[in-house]
C-alpha atoms as a PDB file:
ATOM      1  CA  UNK A   1       7.494  -0.336 -25.708  1.00  0.00           C
ATOM      2  CA  UNK A   2       4.638   0.147 -28.124  1.00  0.00           C
ATOM      3  CA  UNK A   3       2.085   2.933 -28.145  1.00  0.00           C
ATOM      4  CA  UNK A   4      -0.704   0.862 -26.548  1.00  0.00           C
ATOM      5  CA  UNK A   5       1.467  -0.038 -23.574  1.00  0.00           C
ATOM      6  CA  UNK A   6       2.527   3.586 -23.119  1.00  0.00           C
ATOM      7  CA  UNK A   7      -1.102   4.732 -23.151  1.00  0.00           C
ATOM      8  CA  UNK A   8      -2.146   2.086 -20.639  1.00  0.00           C
ATOM      9  CA  UNK A   9       0.791   3.066 -18.417  1.00  0.00           C
ATOM     10  CA  UNK A  10      -0.466   6.665 -18.412  1.00  0.00           C
ATOM     11  CA  UNK A  11      -4.028   5.599 -17.599  1.00  0.00           C
ATOM     12  CA  UNK A  12      -2.888   3.336 -14.765  1.00  0.00           C
ATOM     13  CA  UNK A  13      -0.585   6.059 -13.415  1.00  0.00           C
ATOM     14  CA  UNK A  14      -3.470   8.538 -13.346  1.00  0.00           C
ATOM     15  CA  UNK A  15      -5.550   6.205 -11.165  1.00  0.00           C
ATOM     16  CA  UNK A  16      -2.856   4.823  -8.870  1.00  0.00           C
ATOM     17  CA  UNK A  17      -2.446   7.896  -6.606  1.00  0.00           C
ATOM     18  CA  UNK A  18      -6.024   7.417  -5.403  1.00  0.00           C
ATOM     19  CA  UNK A  19      -5.458   3.694  -4.814  1.00  0.00           C
ATOM     20  CA  UNK A  20      -2.231   4.459  -2.947  1.00  0.00           C
ATOM     21  CA  UNK A  21      -4.128   6.980  -0.807  1.00  0.00           C
ATOM     22  CA  UNK A  22      -6.628   4.250   0.121  1.00  0.00           C
ATOM     23  CA  UNK A  23      -3.790   2.069   1.431  1.00  0.00           C
ATOM     24  CA  UNK A  24      -1.727   4.728   3.190  1.00  0.00           C
ATOM     25  CA  UNK A  25      -2.591   6.221   6.540  1.00  0.00           C
ATOM     26  CA  UNK A  26      -1.664   9.743   7.701  1.00  0.00           C
ATOM     27  CA  UNK A  27       0.207   8.231  10.647  1.00  0.00           C
ATOM     28  CA  UNK A  28       2.519   6.058   8.514  1.00  0.00           C
ATOM     29  CA  UNK A  29       6.200   7.065   8.568  1.00  0.00           C
ATOM     30  CA  UNK A  30       7.686   8.514   5.387  1.00  0.00           C
ATOM     31  CA  UNK A  31       9.694   5.358   4.605  1.00  0.00           C
ATOM     32  CA  UNK A  32       6.520   3.240   4.739  1.00  0.00           C
ATOM     33  CA  UNK A  33       4.631   5.658   2.490  1.00  0.00           C
ATOM     34  CA  UNK A  34       7.492   5.606  -0.059  1.00  0.00           C
ATOM     35  CA  UNK A  35       7.664   1.806   0.060  1.00  0.00           C
ATOM     36  CA  UNK A  36       3.908   1.484  -0.486  1.00  0.00           C
ATOM     37  CA  UNK A  37       4.113   3.827  -3.472  1.00  0.00           C
ATOM     38  CA  UNK A  38       6.992   1.877  -5.019  1.00  0.00           C
ATOM     39  CA  UNK A  39       5.330  -1.513  -4.498  1.00  0.00           C
ATOM     40  CA  UNK A  40       1.970  -0.372  -5.905  1.00  0.00           C
ATOM     41  CA  UNK A  41       3.726   1.127  -8.952  1.00  0.00           C
ATOM     42  CA  UNK A  42       5.652  -2.121  -9.492  1.00  0.00           C
ATOM     43  CA  UNK A  43       2.416  -4.111  -9.340  1.00  0.00           C
ATOM     44  CA  UNK A  44       0.802  -1.642 -11.747  1.00  0.00           C
ATOM     45  CA  UNK A  45       3.684  -2.029 -14.205  1.00  0.00           C
ATOM     46  CA  UNK A  46       3.611  -5.822 -13.988  1.00  0.00           C
ATOM     47  CA  UNK A  47      -0.146  -6.002 -14.507  1.00  0.00           C
ATOM     48  CA  UNK A  48      -0.089  -3.508 -17.382  1.00  0.00           C
ATOM     49  CA  UNK A  49       2.606  -5.381 -19.292  1.00  0.00           C
ATOM     50  CA  UNK A  50       0.878  -8.712 -18.703  1.00  0.00           C
ATOM     51  CA  UNK A  51      -2.567  -7.486 -19.780  1.00  0.00           C
ATOM     52  CA  UNK A  52      -1.231  -5.818 -22.940  1.00  0.00           C
ATOM     53  CA  UNK A  53       0.719  -8.986 -23.823  1.00  0.00           C
ATOM     54  CA  UNK A  54       4.074  -7.186 -23.676  1.00  0.00           C
ATOM     55  CA  UNK A  55       5.512  -9.614 -21.138  1.00  0.00           C
ATOM     56  CA  UNK A  56       9.282  -9.268 -21.542  1.00  0.00           C
ATOM     57  CA  UNK A  57      11.925  -7.923 -19.201  1.00  0.00           C
ATOM     58  CA  UNK A  58      12.545  -4.702 -21.146  1.00  0.00           C
ATOM     59  CA  UNK A  59       8.872  -3.692 -21.251  1.00  0.00           C
ATOM     60  CA  UNK A  60       8.285  -4.694 -17.622  1.00  0.00           C
ATOM     61  CA  UNK A  61      11.146  -2.537 -16.357  1.00  0.00           C
ATOM     62  CA  UNK A  62      10.149   0.349 -18.629  1.00  0.00           C
ATOM     63  CA  UNK A  63       6.516   0.143 -17.507  1.00  0.00           C
ATOM     64  CA  UNK A  64       7.368   0.055 -13.811  1.00  0.00           C
ATOM     65  CA  UNK A  65       9.687   3.055 -14.125  1.00  0.00           C
ATOM     66  CA  UNK A  66       7.255   4.962 -16.355  1.00  0.00           C
ATOM     67  CA  UNK A  67       4.339   4.367 -14.003  1.00  0.00           C
ATOM     68  CA  UNK A  68       6.429   5.325 -10.965  1.00  0.00           C
ATOM     69  CA  UNK A  69       7.540   8.610 -12.560  1.00  0.00           C
ATOM     70  CA  UNK A  70       4.027   9.383 -13.818  1.00  0.00           C
ATOM     71  CA  UNK A  71       2.439   8.623 -10.429  1.00  0.00           C
ATOM     72  CA  UNK A  72       4.815  11.078  -8.765  1.00  0.00           C
ATOM     73  CA  UNK A  73       4.024  13.675 -11.436  1.00  0.00           C
ATOM     74  CA  UNK A  74       0.241  13.196 -11.179  1.00  0.00           C
ATOM     75  CA  UNK A  75       0.400  13.340  -7.390  1.00  0.00           C
ATOM     76  CA  UNK A  76       2.594  16.450  -7.280  1.00  0.00           C
ATOM     77  CA  UNK A  77       0.871  18.358 -10.083  1.00  0.00           C
ATOM     78  CA  UNK A  78      -2.786  17.462  -9.522  1.00  0.00           C
ATOM     79  CA  UNK A  79      -3.760  15.330  -6.555  1.00  0.00           C
ATOM     80  CA  UNK A  80      -1.707  17.081  -3.857  1.00  0.00           C
ATOM     81  CA  UNK A  81      -2.695  20.678  -4.771  1.00  0.00           C
ATOM     82  CA  UNK A  82      -6.372  19.732  -5.017  1.00  0.00           C
ATOM     83  CA  UNK A  83      -6.269  17.783  -1.740  1.00  0.00           C
ATOM     84  CA  UNK A  84      -7.896  14.693  -3.243  1.00  0.00           C
ATOM     85  CA  UNK A  85      -5.377  12.175  -1.916  1.00  0.00           C
ATOM     86  CA  UNK A  86      -5.300  13.824   1.521  1.00  0.00           C
ATOM     87  CA  UNK A  87      -9.097  13.634   1.677  1.00  0.00           C
ATOM     88  CA  UNK A  88      -9.017   9.942   0.723  1.00  0.00           C
ATOM     89  CA  UNK A  89      -6.355   9.193   3.340  1.00  0.00           C
ATOM     90  CA  UNK A  90      -8.281  11.061   6.037  1.00  0.00           C
ATOM     91  CA  UNK A  91     -11.576   9.389   5.083  1.00  0.00           C
ATOM     92  CA  UNK A  92     -10.021   5.931   5.320  1.00  0.00           C
ATOM     93  CA  UNK A  93      -7.798   6.648   8.324  1.00  0.00           C
ATOM     94  CA  UNK A  94      -8.243   4.296  11.254  1.00  0.00           C
ATOM     95  CA  UNK A  95      -6.801   6.819  13.730  1.00  0.00           C
ATOM     96  CA  UNK A  96      -9.257   9.573  12.808  1.00  0.00           C
ATOM     97  CA  UNK A  97     -12.283   7.265  12.876  1.00  0.00           C
ATOM     98  CA  UNK A  98     -11.326   6.021  16.332  1.00  0.00           C
ATOM     99  CA  UNK A  99     -11.323   9.592  17.578  1.00  0.00           C
ATOM    100  CA  UNK A 100      -7.536   9.797  17.698  1.00  0.00           C
ATOM    101  CA  UNK A 101      -6.064  12.583  15.637  1.00  0.00           C
ATOM    102  CA  UNK A 102      -2.858  11.872  13.745  1.00  0.00           C
ATOM    103  CA  UNK A 103       0.294  13.310  15.274  1.00  0.00           C
ATOM    104  CA  UNK A 104       1.047  16.915  14.386  1.00  0.00           C
ATOM    105  CA  UNK A 105       3.373  17.416  11.450  1.00  0.00           C
ATOM    106  CA  UNK A 106       4.906  20.638  12.772  1.00  0.00           C
ATOM    107  CA  UNK A 107       8.085  20.514  14.810  1.00  0.00           C
ATOM    108  CA  UNK A 108       7.524  20.697  18.569  1.00  0.00           C
ATOM    109  CA  UNK A 109       8.105  24.058  20.188  1.00  0.00           C
ATOM    110  CA  UNK A 110      11.113  24.163  22.466  1.00  0.00           C
ATOM    111  CA  UNK A 111      11.740  26.754  25.160  1.00  0.00           C
ATOM    112  CA  UNK A 112      14.366  28.389  22.895  1.00  0.00           C
ATOM    113  CA  UNK A 113      11.679  29.018  20.257  1.00  0.00           C
ATOM    114  CA  UNK A 114       9.200  30.592  22.643  1.00  0.00           C
ATOM    115  CA  UNK A 115       9.103  34.386  23.005  1.00  0.00           C
END
């Protein structure tokens, strides 16, 4: 992988968490959210290697893995603490705009947990 491809991978990975947040909905199950993230990162890696004319199997695999790792890092270190991706998901959520709130994320209270 050359330096140009690595730089483009970093740029794409910095933008992808916001694009992923546009696609995902707060009501999606965790497996669907993980699958969407993986697929979008794979598409990002494929497009980046094609556009930079590095279209070979080694660079494609490296780009996909690099973008996936960088997307997780950007999301965990910047987008999640600042609430940017949550705000995007909530703004584009179909459930919230229909007046239906997403299901609560806290565990339901059982009689054994009540005082």
